[in-house]
Amino acid sequence: MQVIPIPLDDRDRLAGFWWELSMRQIEVSRTIVFDAPRRARAFFESTVADNIDIGRPDEVKLIFARQIRKNTNAEFATRIVTRGTDVTINAFYKHSRIKEYLKEGRALRIETVVNSPTDLGVQRRLRNLAELIDKARAANRRLLDIQRAGQGCAIETALWERISQPSLEEGRRTGAIRFGDKRVMALAGALCVALNTVIGFTNKSLRASVSQLLGGPYSAAQMTYDLRKLRLKGLITRIPHTNSYTLTPEGIRFAITYTKLGQRVLPPLLAANQQPAPIGLQRALNTIENYVGNYLEHAKLKAAA
């Protein structure tokens, strides 16, 4: 405040004229340098693959290494990704966005660009800069958290049982969040959207995503009931002084595990059970199917007891 020049001096202020600085655009970035370029490429490529069907950003863009001159008149598009082509992931929220890309082949770069501080619930005055930076850094961190979980999302047996079976939470009986249930799988898929984890979500915003994945009606009462189960099982937490929620670390692993199992692991296995799959593979899959069925039946009897 002392070094930035302003057009009014102390005499103008004493005369009743005032001038206060405000923020227009703030960019907060984080760069993580890998010890080997191959590991940076592997992580980023898997992140791009996850964002196609799990993270679902607003835009996955290819940036081509071409010179742009005044007389350039061509579309910047191609079917072949070659050396010199960079991939960026963009997620937009109101007037702001989060951008992620691989920098110089060995560094993961995340940039949160805030074009309106009110998007993150911060006033525009310059004295609120520290608060805005803290919230933007938290957005960068949460994006990394969900991407890290996407590379290793296995959950322990105790957590799986607590989620998938009825349990007693905070002295109240809480219903099961059963894997394979159409509504549960749509809920998990909606929670996997990276923007929901980074910015947070409300009853209304999450309900729209779940309804889209269900392909049918999904009422506000159903959303309220599901949010209650998620909160009591420790999978989401309410952001203080708001009606928004964010996923906990366990909630991130739950959402990604359910979604990856439901979309990537089980469909190929079940498809392999059809002819002309080798007879040995069919027998192995039938054994797995019987084991899972017996386990679920045992779990139901245990819960009923």
C-alpha atoms as a PDB file:
ATOM      1  CA  MET A   1       0.000   0.000   0.000  1.00  0.00           C
ATOM      2  CA  GLN A   2       2.933   2.358   0.721  1.00  0.00           C
ATOM      3  CA  VAL A   3       4.835   1.744  -2.515  1.00  0.00           C
ATOM      4  CA  ILE A   4       1.934   1.639  -5.009  1.00  0.00           C
ATOM      5  CA  PRO A   5       1.290   5.182  -6.290  1.00  0.00           C
ATOM      6  CA  ILE A   6      -2.236   6.566  -5.998  1.00  0.00           C
ATOM      7  CA  PRO A   7      -3.562   9.772  -7.612  1.00  0.00           C
ATOM      8  CA  LEU A   8      -4.778  11.368  -4.375  1.00  0.00           C
ATOM      9  CA  ASP A   9      -2.582  12.704  -1.571  1.00  0.00           C
ATOM     10  CA  ASP A  10      -3.305  13.432   2.109  1.00  0.00           C
ATOM     11  CA  ARG A  11      -4.769  16.875   1.334  1.00  0.00           C
ATOM     12  CA  ASP A  12      -7.335  15.289  -0.981  1.00  0.00           C
ATOM     13  CA  ARG A  13      -8.286  12.826   1.719  1.00  0.00           C
ATOM     14  CA  LEU A  14      -8.700  15.604   4.249  1.00  0.00           C
ATOM     15  CA  ALA A  15     -10.925  17.393   1.746  1.00  0.00           C
ATOM     16  CA  GLY A  16     -13.204  14.353   1.660  1.00  0.00           C
ATOM     17  CA  PHE A  17     -11.863  12.661  -1.457  1.00  0.00           C
ATOM     18  CA  TRP A  18     -10.648   9.085  -1.101  1.00  0.00           C
ATOM     19  CA  TRP A  19      -9.093   6.386  -3.188  1.00  0.00           C
ATOM     20  CA  GLU A  20      -8.727   2.726  -2.259  1.00  0.00           C
ATOM     21  CA  LEU A  21      -6.899  -0.013  -4.113  1.00  0.00           C
ATOM     22  CA  SER A  22      -8.716  -3.215  -5.095  1.00  0.00           C
ATOM     23  CA  MET A  23      -7.829  -6.488  -6.801  1.00  0.00           C
ATOM     24  CA  ARG A  24      -8.795  -7.251 -10.393  1.00  0.00           C
ATOM     25  CA  GLN A  25      -6.897 -10.456 -11.187  1.00  0.00           C
ATOM     26  CA  ILE A  26      -4.725 -12.625  -8.948  1.00  0.00           C
ATOM     27  CA  GLU A  27      -2.824 -15.724 -10.040  1.00  0.00           C
ATOM     28  CA  VAL A  28      -1.518 -18.225  -7.491  1.00  0.00           C
ATOM     29  CA  SER A  29       0.565 -21.064  -8.868  1.00  0.00           C
ATOM     30  CA  ARG A  30       2.347 -24.149  -7.630  1.00  0.00           C
ATOM     31  CA  THR A  31       5.109 -25.982  -9.468  1.00  0.00           C
ATOM     32  CA  ILE A  32       6.179 -29.501  -8.534  1.00  0.00           C
ATOM     33  CA  VAL A  33       9.411 -30.648 -10.159  1.00  0.00           C
ATOM     34  CA  PHE A  34       9.839 -34.418 -10.529  1.00  0.00           C
ATOM     35  CA  ASP A  35      13.234 -36.059 -10.081  1.00  0.00           C
ATOM     36  CA  ALA A  36      12.975 -37.633 -13.546  1.00  0.00           C
ATOM     37  CA  PRO A  37      11.106 -36.362 -16.646  1.00  0.00           C
ATOM     38  CA  ARG A  38       9.670 -39.841 -17.341  1.00  0.00           C
ATOM     39  CA  ARG A  39       7.868 -39.801 -13.983  1.00  0.00           C
ATOM     40  CA  ALA A  40       6.456 -36.355 -14.672  1.00  0.00           C
ATOM     41  CA  ARG A  41       5.139 -37.516 -18.053  1.00  0.00           C
ATOM     42  CA  ALA A  42       3.677 -40.701 -16.592  1.00  0.00           C
ATOM     43  CA  PHE A  43       1.849 -38.823 -13.847  1.00  0.00           C
ATOM     44  CA  PHE A  44       0.510 -36.129 -16.140  1.00  0.00           C
ATOM     45  CA  GLU A  45      -0.589 -38.571 -18.847  1.00  0.00           C
ATOM     46  CA  SER A  46      -2.510 -40.633 -16.295  1.00  0.00           C
ATOM     47  CA  THR A  47      -4.017 -37.410 -14.936  1.00  0.00           C
ATOM     48  CA  VAL A  48      -5.209 -36.442 -18.416  1.00  0.00           C
ATOM     49  CA  ALA A  49      -6.713 -39.921 -18.867  1.00  0.00           C
ATOM     50  CA  ASP A  50      -8.513 -39.656 -15.513  1.00  0.00           C
ATOM     51  CA  ASN A  51      -9.895 -36.238 -16.389  1.00  0.00           C
ATOM     52  CA  ILE A  52     -11.596 -37.588 -19.490  1.00  0.00           C
ATOM     53  CA  ASP A  53     -14.076 -39.714 -17.530  1.00  0.00           C
ATOM     54  CA  ILE A  54     -13.550 -38.954 -13.820  1.00  0.00           C
ATOM     55  CA  GLY A  55     -12.311 -35.409 -13.229  1.00  0.00           C
ATOM     56  CA  ARG A  56     -14.356 -34.023 -16.123  1.00  0.00           C
ATOM     57  CA  PRO A  57     -12.852 -30.542 -16.455  1.00  0.00           C
ATOM     58  CA  ASP A  58     -14.474 -27.975 -18.699  1.00  0.00           C
ATOM     59  CA  GLU A  59     -11.697 -28.206 -21.251  1.00  0.00           C
ATOM     60  CA  VAL A  60      -8.719 -30.369 -22.195  1.00  0.00           C
ATOM     61  CA  LYS A  61      -6.807 -28.277 -24.693  1.00  0.00           C
ATOM     62  CA  LEU A  62      -3.913 -29.008 -27.045  1.00  0.00           C
ATOM     63  CA  ILE A  63      -1.518 -26.100 -27.535  1.00  0.00           C
ATOM     64  CA  PHE A  64       0.546 -26.382 -30.707  1.00  0.00           C
ATOM     65  CA  ALA A  65       4.052 -25.002 -31.152  1.00  0.00           C
ATOM     66  CA  ARG A  66       3.317 -22.637 -34.056  1.00  0.00           C
ATOM     67  CA  GLN A  67       4.267 -19.059 -34.703  1.00  0.00           C
ATOM     68  CA  ILE A  68       1.386 -16.614 -34.985  1.00  0.00           C
ATOM     69  CA  ARG A  69       1.835 -13.598 -37.281  1.00  0.00           C
ATOM     70  CA  LYS A  70      -0.486 -10.910 -38.538  1.00  0.00           C
ATOM     71  CA  ASN A  71      -1.127 -12.838 -41.744  1.00  0.00           C
ATOM     72  CA  THR A  72      -1.705 -16.199 -40.007  1.00  0.00           C
ATOM     73  CA  ASN A  73      -5.064 -17.565 -41.092  1.00  0.00           C
ATOM     74  CA  ALA A  74      -5.531 -21.210 -40.165  1.00  0.00           C
ATOM     75  CA  GLU A  75      -7.215 -23.430 -37.644  1.00  0.00           C
ATOM     76  CA  PHE A  76      -4.964 -24.622 -34.850  1.00  0.00           C
ATOM     77  CA  ALA A  77      -6.092 -28.215 -34.834  1.00  0.00           C
ATOM     78  CA  THR A  78      -4.653 -31.559 -35.833  1.00  0.00           C
ATOM     79  CA  ARG A  79      -5.404 -35.260 -35.393  1.00  0.00           C
ATOM     80  CA  ILE A  80      -1.798 -36.113 -34.510  1.00  0.00           C
ATOM     81  CA  VAL A  81      -0.170 -35.152 -31.222  1.00  0.00           C
ATOM     82  CA  THR A  82       3.521 -34.644 -31.907  1.00  0.00           C
ATOM     83  CA  ARG A  83       6.563 -33.310 -30.118  1.00  0.00           C
ATOM     84  CA  GLY A  84       6.105 -29.649 -29.306  1.00  0.00           C
ATOM     85  CA  THR A  85       2.407 -30.058 -28.526  1.00  0.00           C
ATOM     86  CA  ASP A  86       1.407 -29.292 -24.930  1.00  0.00           C
ATOM     87  CA  VAL A  87      -1.739 -30.459 -23.180  1.00  0.00           C
ATOM     88  CA  THR A  88      -3.502 -28.234 -20.655  1.00  0.00           C
ATOM     89  CA  ILE A  89      -6.422 -29.006 -18.366  1.00  0.00           C
ATOM     90  CA  ASN A  90      -8.808 -26.149 -17.584  1.00  0.00           C
ATOM     91  CA  ALA A  91     -11.605 -26.052 -15.023  1.00  0.00           C
ATOM     92  CA  PHE A  92     -13.727 -22.891 -14.928  1.00  0.00           C
ATOM     93  CA  TYR A  93     -15.600 -21.579 -11.904  1.00  0.00           C
ATOM     94  CA  LYS A  94     -17.705 -18.438 -12.386  1.00  0.00           C
ATOM     95  CA  HIS A  95     -15.175 -15.839 -13.623  1.00  0.00           C
ATOM     96  CA  SER A  96     -12.091 -17.773 -12.506  1.00  0.00           C
ATOM     97  CA  ARG A  97     -10.302 -20.919 -13.577  1.00  0.00           C
ATOM     98  CA  ILE A  98      -7.699 -23.517 -12.635  1.00  0.00           C
ATOM     99  CA  LYS A  99      -5.149 -24.418 -15.275  1.00  0.00           C
ATOM    100  CA  GLU A 100      -2.813 -27.423 -15.148  1.00  0.00           C
ATOM    101  CA  TYR A 101      -0.059 -28.431 -17.557  1.00  0.00           C
ATOM    102  CA  LEU A 102       3.372 -30.044 -17.780  1.00  0.00           C
ATOM    103  CA  LYS A 103       6.139 -27.441 -17.802  1.00  0.00           C
ATOM    104  CA  GLU A 104       9.350 -28.175 -19.712  1.00  0.00           C
ATOM    105  CA  GLY A 105       8.657 -31.896 -19.591  1.00  0.00           C
ATOM    106  CA  ARG A 106       9.425 -32.431 -15.910  1.00  0.00           C
ATOM    107  CA  ALA A 107       7.369 -30.074 -13.740  1.00  0.00           C
ATOM    108  CA  LEU A 108       3.663 -30.186 -12.926  1.00  0.00           C
ATOM    109  CA  ARG A 109       2.287 -26.630 -12.963  1.00  0.00           C
ATOM    110  CA  ILE A 110      -1.045 -25.666 -11.398  1.00  0.00           C
ATOM    111  CA  GLU A 111      -2.326 -22.100 -11.714  1.00  0.00           C
ATOM    112  CA  THR A 112      -5.441 -20.773 -10.014  1.00  0.00           C
ATOM    113  CA  VAL A 113      -6.418 -17.550 -11.789  1.00  0.00           C
ATOM    114  CA  VAL A 114      -8.972 -15.490  -9.854  1.00  0.00           C
ATOM    115  CA  ASN A 115     -10.566 -12.884 -12.110  1.00  0.00           C
ATOM    116  CA  SER A 116     -13.069 -11.868  -9.442  1.00  0.00           C
ATOM    117  CA  PRO A 117     -12.189 -12.313  -5.739  1.00  0.00           C
ATOM    118  CA  THR A 118     -15.871 -12.648  -4.895  1.00  0.00           C
ATOM    119  CA  ASP A 119     -15.845 -16.021  -6.706  1.00  0.00           C
ATOM    120  CA  LEU A 120     -14.021 -17.388  -3.651  1.00  0.00           C
ATOM    121  CA  GLY A 121     -15.996 -15.360  -1.136  1.00  0.00           C
ATOM    122  CA  VAL A 122     -13.346 -12.644  -0.695  1.00  0.00           C
ATOM    123  CA  GLN A 123     -13.897  -8.889  -0.978  1.00  0.00           C
ATOM    124  CA  ARG A 124     -11.995  -6.984  -3.637  1.00  0.00           C
ATOM    125  CA  ARG A 125     -10.071  -4.610  -1.372  1.00  0.00           C
ATOM    126  CA  LEU A 126      -6.311  -5.067  -1.449  1.00  0.00           C
ATOM    127  CA  ARG A 127      -6.177  -5.627   2.298  1.00  0.00           C
ATOM    128  CA  ASN A 128      -7.886  -8.988   1.662  1.00  0.00           C
ATOM    129  CA  LEU A 129      -5.030 -10.220  -0.545  1.00  0.00           C
ATOM    130  CA  ALA A 130      -3.665 -12.627   2.088  1.00  0.00           C
ATOM    131  CA  GLU A 131      -7.061 -14.303   2.521  1.00  0.00           C
ATOM    132  CA  LEU A 132      -7.475 -14.670  -1.232  1.00  0.00           C
ATOM    133  CA  ILE A 133      -3.999 -16.203  -1.612  1.00  0.00           C
ATOM    134  CA  ASP A 134      -4.750 -18.712   1.167  1.00  0.00           C
ATOM    135  CA  LYS A 135      -7.964 -19.831  -0.548  1.00  0.00           C
ATOM    136  CA  ALA A 136      -6.286 -20.097  -3.964  1.00  0.00           C
ATOM    137  CA  ARG A 137      -3.445 -22.151  -2.494  1.00  0.00           C
ATOM    138  CA  ALA A 138      -5.992 -24.412  -0.822  1.00  0.00           C
ATOM    139  CA  ALA A 139      -7.642 -24.932  -4.232  1.00  0.00           C
ATOM    140  CA  ASN A 140      -4.286 -25.926  -5.728  1.00  0.00           C
ATOM    141  CA  ARG A 141      -3.660 -28.336  -2.852  1.00  0.00           C
ATOM    142  CA  ARG A 142      -7.084 -29.989  -3.071  1.00  0.00           C
ATOM    143  CA  LEU A 143      -6.654 -30.530  -6.805  1.00  0.00           C
ATOM    144  CA  LEU A 144      -3.370 -32.327  -6.123  1.00  0.00           C
ATOM    145  CA  ASP A 145      -5.011 -34.366  -3.357  1.00  0.00           C
ATOM    146  CA  ILE A 146      -7.668 -35.808  -5.655  1.00  0.00           C
ATOM    147  CA  GLN A 147      -5.153 -36.472  -8.436  1.00  0.00           C
ATOM    148  CA  ARG A 148      -2.793 -38.204  -6.029  1.00  0.00           C
ATOM    149  CA  ALA A 149      -5.666 -40.361  -4.800  1.00  0.00           C
ATOM    150  CA  GLY A 150      -6.503 -41.193  -8.402  1.00  0.00           C
ATOM    151  CA  GLN A 151      -3.114 -42.902  -8.775  1.00  0.00           C
ATOM    152  CA  GLY A 152      -3.585 -45.027  -5.640  1.00  0.00           C
ATOM    153  CA  CYS A 153      -7.203 -45.101  -4.535  1.00  0.00           C
ATOM    154  CA  ALA A 154      -7.425 -48.504  -2.845  1.00  0.00           C
ATOM    155  CA  ILE A 155      -9.335 -48.400   0.441  1.00  0.00           C
ATOM    156  CA  GLU A 156      -8.851 -50.696   3.387  1.00  0.00           C
ATOM    157  CA  THR A 157     -11.387 -53.400   4.238  1.00  0.00           C
ATOM    158  CA  ALA A 158     -12.605 -51.667   7.406  1.00  0.00           C
ATOM    159  CA  LEU A 159     -13.449 -48.459   5.513  1.00  0.00           C
ATOM    160  CA  TRP A 160     -15.129 -50.419   2.699  1.00  0.00           C
ATOM    161  CA  GLU A 161     -17.335 -52.266   5.192  1.00  0.00           C
ATOM    162  CA  ARG A 162     -18.216 -49.081   7.079  1.00  0.00           C
ATOM    163  CA  ILE A 163     -19.262 -47.397   3.831  1.00  0.00           C
ATOM    164  CA  SER A 164     -21.053 -50.282   2.151  1.00  0.00           C
ATOM    165  CA  GLN A 165     -22.926 -51.542   5.233  1.00  0.00           C
ATOM    166  CA  PRO A 166     -25.366 -49.870   7.667  1.00  0.00           C
ATOM    167  CA  SER A 167     -23.522 -48.471  10.671  1.00  0.00           C
ATOM    168  CA  LEU A 168     -24.030 -46.464  13.835  1.00  0.00           C
ATOM    169  CA  GLU A 169     -22.569 -42.952  13.405  1.00  0.00           C
ATOM    170  CA  GLU A 170     -22.830 -40.247  16.084  1.00  0.00           C
ATOM    171  CA  GLY A 171     -25.409 -42.386  17.877  1.00  0.00           C
ATOM    172  CA  ARG A 172     -27.645 -42.581  14.785  1.00  0.00           C
ATOM    173  CA  ARG A 173     -28.223 -45.497  12.441  1.00  0.00           C
ATOM    174  CA  THR A 174     -26.844 -44.617   9.030  1.00  0.00           C
ATOM    175  CA  GLY A 175     -27.792 -46.432   5.854  1.00  0.00           C
ATOM    176  CA  ALA A 176     -25.378 -48.248   3.586  1.00  0.00           C
ATOM    177  CA  ILE A 177     -23.718 -46.701   0.534  1.00  0.00           C
ATOM    178  CA  ARG A 178     -23.716 -49.907  -1.495  1.00  0.00           C
ATOM    179  CA  PHE A 179     -21.357 -50.441  -4.407  1.00  0.00           C
ATOM    180  CA  GLY A 180     -23.233 -51.241  -7.594  1.00  0.00           C
ATOM    181  CA  ASP A 181     -26.425 -49.393  -6.682  1.00  0.00           C
ATOM    182  CA  LYS A 182     -27.280 -47.145  -9.629  1.00  0.00           C
ATOM    183  CA  ARG A 183     -27.939 -44.102  -7.478  1.00  0.00           C
ATOM    184  CA  VAL A 184     -24.794 -44.635  -5.405  1.00  0.00           C
ATOM    185  CA  MET A 185     -22.624 -45.032  -8.506  1.00  0.00           C
ATOM    186  CA  ALA A 186     -24.016 -41.807  -9.964  1.00  0.00           C
ATOM    187  CA  LEU A 187     -23.347 -40.064  -6.644  1.00  0.00           C
ATOM    188  CA  ALA A 188     -19.746 -41.311  -6.580  1.00  0.00           C
ATOM    189  CA  GLY A 189     -19.237 -40.241 -10.177  1.00  0.00           C
ATOM    190  CA  ALA A 190     -20.529 -36.740  -9.447  1.00  0.00           C
ATOM    191  CA  LEU A 191     -18.227 -36.446  -6.436  1.00  0.00           C
ATOM    192  CA  CYS A 192     -15.265 -37.332  -8.679  1.00  0.00           C
ATOM    193  CA  VAL A 193     -15.636 -34.088 -10.616  1.00  0.00           C
ATOM    194  CA  ALA A 194     -12.440 -32.251  -9.735  1.00  0.00           C
ATOM    195  CA  LEU A 195     -14.150 -28.869  -9.434  1.00  0.00           C
ATOM    196  CA  ASN A 196     -16.429 -30.220  -6.687  1.00  0.00           C
ATOM    197  CA  THR A 197     -13.386 -31.204  -4.669  1.00  0.00           C
ATOM    198  CA  VAL A 198     -11.442 -28.016  -5.323  1.00  0.00           C
ATOM    199  CA  ILE A 199     -14.155 -25.385  -4.872  1.00  0.00           C
ATOM    200  CA  GLY A 200     -16.762 -27.350  -2.937  1.00  0.00           C
ATOM    201  CA  PHE A 201     -20.340 -28.211  -3.801  1.00  0.00           C
ATOM    202  CA  THR A 202     -23.849 -27.464  -2.610  1.00  0.00           C
ATOM    203  CA  ASN A 203     -27.015 -29.548  -2.528  1.00  0.00           C
ATOM    204  CA  LYS A 204     -28.155 -27.882  -5.744  1.00  0.00           C
ATOM    205  CA  SER A 205     -24.903 -28.123  -7.720  1.00  0.00           C
ATOM    206  CA  LEU A 206     -24.214 -31.758  -6.795  1.00  0.00           C
ATOM    207  CA  ARG A 207     -27.827 -32.756  -7.452  1.00  0.00           C
ATOM    208  CA  ALA A 208     -27.541 -31.488 -11.027  1.00  0.00           C
ATOM    209  CA  SER A 209     -24.486 -33.681 -11.647  1.00  0.00           C
ATOM    210  CA  VAL A 210     -26.050 -36.767 -10.053  1.00  0.00           C
ATOM    211  CA  SER A 211     -29.278 -36.310 -12.028  1.00  0.00           C
ATOM    212  CA  GLN A 212     -27.298 -36.059 -15.262  1.00  0.00           C
ATOM    213  CA  LEU A 213     -25.397 -39.284 -14.542  1.00  0.00           C
ATOM    214  CA  LEU A 214     -28.576 -41.079 -13.481  1.00  0.00           C
ATOM    215  CA  GLY A 215     -30.340 -40.009 -16.629  1.00  0.00           C
ATOM    216  CA  GLY A 216     -33.538 -39.500 -14.653  1.00  0.00           C
ATOM    217  CA  PRO A 217     -35.167 -37.489 -11.860  1.00  0.00           C
ATOM    218  CA  TYR A 218     -33.303 -37.018  -8.596  1.00  0.00           C
ATOM    219  CA  SER A 219     -35.122 -34.924  -6.008  1.00  0.00           C
ATOM    220  CA  ALA A 220     -33.777 -32.437  -3.486  1.00  0.00           C
ATOM    221  CA  ALA A 221     -35.005 -34.720  -0.691  1.00  0.00           C
ATOM    222  CA  GLN A 222     -32.965 -37.610  -2.088  1.00  0.00           C
ATOM    223  CA  MET A 223     -29.912 -35.359  -2.293  1.00  0.00           C
ATOM    224  CA  THR A 224     -30.396 -34.219   1.311  1.00  0.00           C
ATOM    225  CA  TYR A 225     -30.657 -37.840   2.473  1.00  0.00           C
ATOM    226  CA  ASP A 226     -27.512 -38.851   0.569  1.00  0.00           C
ATOM    227  CA  LEU A 227     -25.570 -35.843   1.873  1.00  0.00           C
ATOM    228  CA  ARG A 228     -26.546 -36.835   5.419  1.00  0.00           C
ATOM    229  CA  LYS A 229     -25.184 -40.353   4.902  1.00  0.00           C
ATOM    230  CA  LEU A 230     -21.971 -39.028   3.376  1.00  0.00           C
ATOM    231  CA  ARG A 231     -21.455 -36.595   6.252  1.00  0.00           C
ATOM    232  CA  LEU A 232     -22.182 -39.118   9.022  1.00  0.00           C
ATOM    233  CA  LYS A 233     -19.800 -41.644   7.473  1.00  0.00           C
ATOM    234  CA  GLY A 234     -17.054 -39.019   7.397  1.00  0.00           C
ATOM    235  CA  LEU A 235     -16.845 -38.753   3.606  1.00  0.00           C
ATOM    236  CA  ILE A 236     -17.738 -35.059   3.321  1.00  0.00           C
ATOM    237  CA  THR A 237     -17.449 -32.082   5.631  1.00  0.00           C
ATOM    238  CA  ARG A 238     -19.299 -28.775   5.658  1.00  0.00           C
ATOM    239  CA  ILE A 239     -17.304 -25.620   4.924  1.00  0.00           C
ATOM    240  CA  PRO A 240     -17.722 -23.355   7.996  1.00  0.00           C
ATOM    241  CA  HIS A 241     -20.313 -20.563   7.693  1.00  0.00           C
ATOM    242  CA  THR A 242     -21.542 -21.841   4.289  1.00  0.00           C
ATOM    243  CA  ASN A 243     -23.959 -24.339   2.799  1.00  0.00           C
ATOM    244  CA  SER A 244     -21.132 -25.936   0.798  1.00  0.00           C
ATOM    245  CA  TYR A 245     -19.292 -29.205   1.373  1.00  0.00           C
ATOM    246  CA  THR A 246     -15.929 -30.694   0.459  1.00  0.00           C
ATOM    247  CA  LEU A 247     -14.724 -34.278   0.341  1.00  0.00           C
ATOM    248  CA  THR A 248     -12.535 -35.622   3.130  1.00  0.00           C
ATOM    249  CA  PRO A 249      -9.466 -37.762   2.236  1.00  0.00           C
ATOM    250  CA  GLU A 250     -11.575 -40.889   2.862  1.00  0.00           C
ATOM    251  CA  GLY A 251     -14.345 -39.416   0.727  1.00  0.00           C
ATOM    252  CA  ILE A 252     -11.948 -38.824  -2.163  1.00  0.00           C
ATOM    253  CA  ARG A 253     -10.783 -42.455  -2.059  1.00  0.00           C
ATOM    254  CA  PHE A 254     -14.390 -43.685  -1.800  1.00  0.00           C
ATOM    255  CA  ALA A 255     -15.558 -41.704  -4.832  1.00  0.00           C
ATOM    256  CA  ILE A 256     -12.612 -42.624  -7.056  1.00  0.00           C
ATOM    257  CA  THR A 257     -12.541 -46.290  -6.008  1.00  0.00           C
ATOM    258  CA  TYR A 258     -16.258 -46.801  -6.635  1.00  0.00           C
ATOM    259  CA  THR A 259     -16.069 -44.987  -9.984  1.00  0.00           C
ATOM    260  CA  LYS A 260     -12.938 -46.735 -11.278  1.00  0.00           C
ATOM    261  CA  LEU A 261     -14.199 -50.166 -10.240  1.00  0.00           C
ATOM    262  CA  GLY A 262     -17.580 -49.519 -11.797  1.00  0.00           C
ATOM    263  CA  GLN A 263     -16.294 -48.030 -15.062  1.00  0.00           C
ATOM    264  CA  ARG A 264     -12.896 -49.571 -15.732  1.00  0.00           C
ATOM    265  CA  VAL A 265     -12.359 -52.818 -13.831  1.00  0.00           C
ATOM    266  CA  LEU A 266     -15.645 -54.736 -13.690  1.00  0.00           C
ATOM    267  CA  PRO A 267     -17.019 -54.094 -17.217  1.00  0.00           C
ATOM    268  CA  PRO A 268     -13.992 -55.679 -19.000  1.00  0.00           C
ATOM    269  CA  LEU A 269     -14.015 -58.605 -16.550  1.00  0.00           C
ATOM    270  CA  LEU A 270     -17.719 -59.233 -16.989  1.00  0.00           C
ATOM    271  CA  ALA A 271     -17.430 -58.880 -20.760  1.00  0.00           C
ATOM    272  CA  ALA A 272     -14.657 -61.494 -20.722  1.00  0.00           C
ATOM    273  CA  ASN A 273     -17.128 -63.969 -19.241  1.00  0.00           C
ATOM    274  CA  GLN A 274     -18.958 -64.110 -22.566  1.00  0.00           C
ATOM    275  CA  GLN A 275     -17.952 -66.381 -25.436  1.00  0.00           C
ATOM    276  CA  PRO A 276     -15.355 -66.790 -26.840  1.00  0.00           C
ATOM    277  CA  ALA A 277     -13.501 -66.241 -23.552  1.00  0.00           C
ATOM    278  CA  PRO A 278     -11.211 -69.145 -22.607  1.00  0.00           C
ATOM    279  CA  ILE A 279     -12.926 -71.718 -20.393  1.00  0.00           C
ATOM    280  CA  GLY A 280     -10.304 -71.217 -17.685  1.00  0.00           C
ATOM    281  CA  LEU A 281     -11.008 -67.498 -17.504  1.00  0.00           C
ATOM    282  CA  GLN A 282     -14.754 -68.126 -17.360  1.00  0.00           C
ATOM    283  CA  ARG A 283     -14.318 -70.509 -14.435  1.00  0.00           C
ATOM    284  CA  ALA A 284     -12.112 -68.018 -12.600  1.00  0.00           C
ATOM    285  CA  LEU A 285     -14.666 -65.217 -13.086  1.00  0.00           C
ATOM    286  CA  ASN A 286     -17.493 -67.468 -11.918  1.00  0.00           C
ATOM    287  CA  THR A 287     -15.476 -68.251  -8.801  1.00  0.00           C
ATOM    288  CA  ILE A 288     -14.932 -64.542  -8.134  1.00  0.00           C
ATOM    289  CA  GLU A 289     -18.633 -63.828  -8.700  1.00  0.00           C
ATOM    290  CA  ASN A 290     -19.655 -66.573  -6.265  1.00  0.00           C
ATOM    291  CA  TYR A 291     -17.147 -65.334  -3.689  1.00  0.00           C
ATOM    292  CA  VAL A 292     -18.418 -61.756  -3.902  1.00  0.00           C
ATOM    293  CA  GLY A 293     -22.014 -62.964  -3.642  1.00  0.00           C
ATOM    294  CA  ASN A 294     -21.247 -65.054  -0.572  1.00  0.00           C
ATOM    295  CA  TYR A 295     -19.363 -62.155   1.020  1.00  0.00           C
ATOM    296  CA  LEU A 296     -22.257 -59.740   0.512  1.00  0.00           C
ATOM    297  CA  GLU A 297     -24.754 -62.289   1.840  1.00  0.00           C
ATOM    298  CA  HIS A 298     -22.593 -62.837   4.917  1.00  0.00           C
ATOM    299  CA  ALA A 299     -22.316 -59.079   5.414  1.00  0.00           C
ATOM    300  CA  LYS A 300     -26.108 -58.700   5.244  1.00  0.00           C
ATOM    301  CA  LEU A 301     -26.633 -61.436   7.833  1.00  0.00           C
ATOM    302  CA  LYS A 302     -23.969 -59.861  10.060  1.00  0.00           C
ATOM    303  CA  ALA A 303     -25.619 -56.440   9.789  1.00  0.00           C
ATOM    304  CA  ALA A 304     -29.055 -57.917  10.550  1.00  0.00           C
ATOM    305  CA  ALA A 305     -27.693 -59.656  13.644  1.00  0.00           C
END
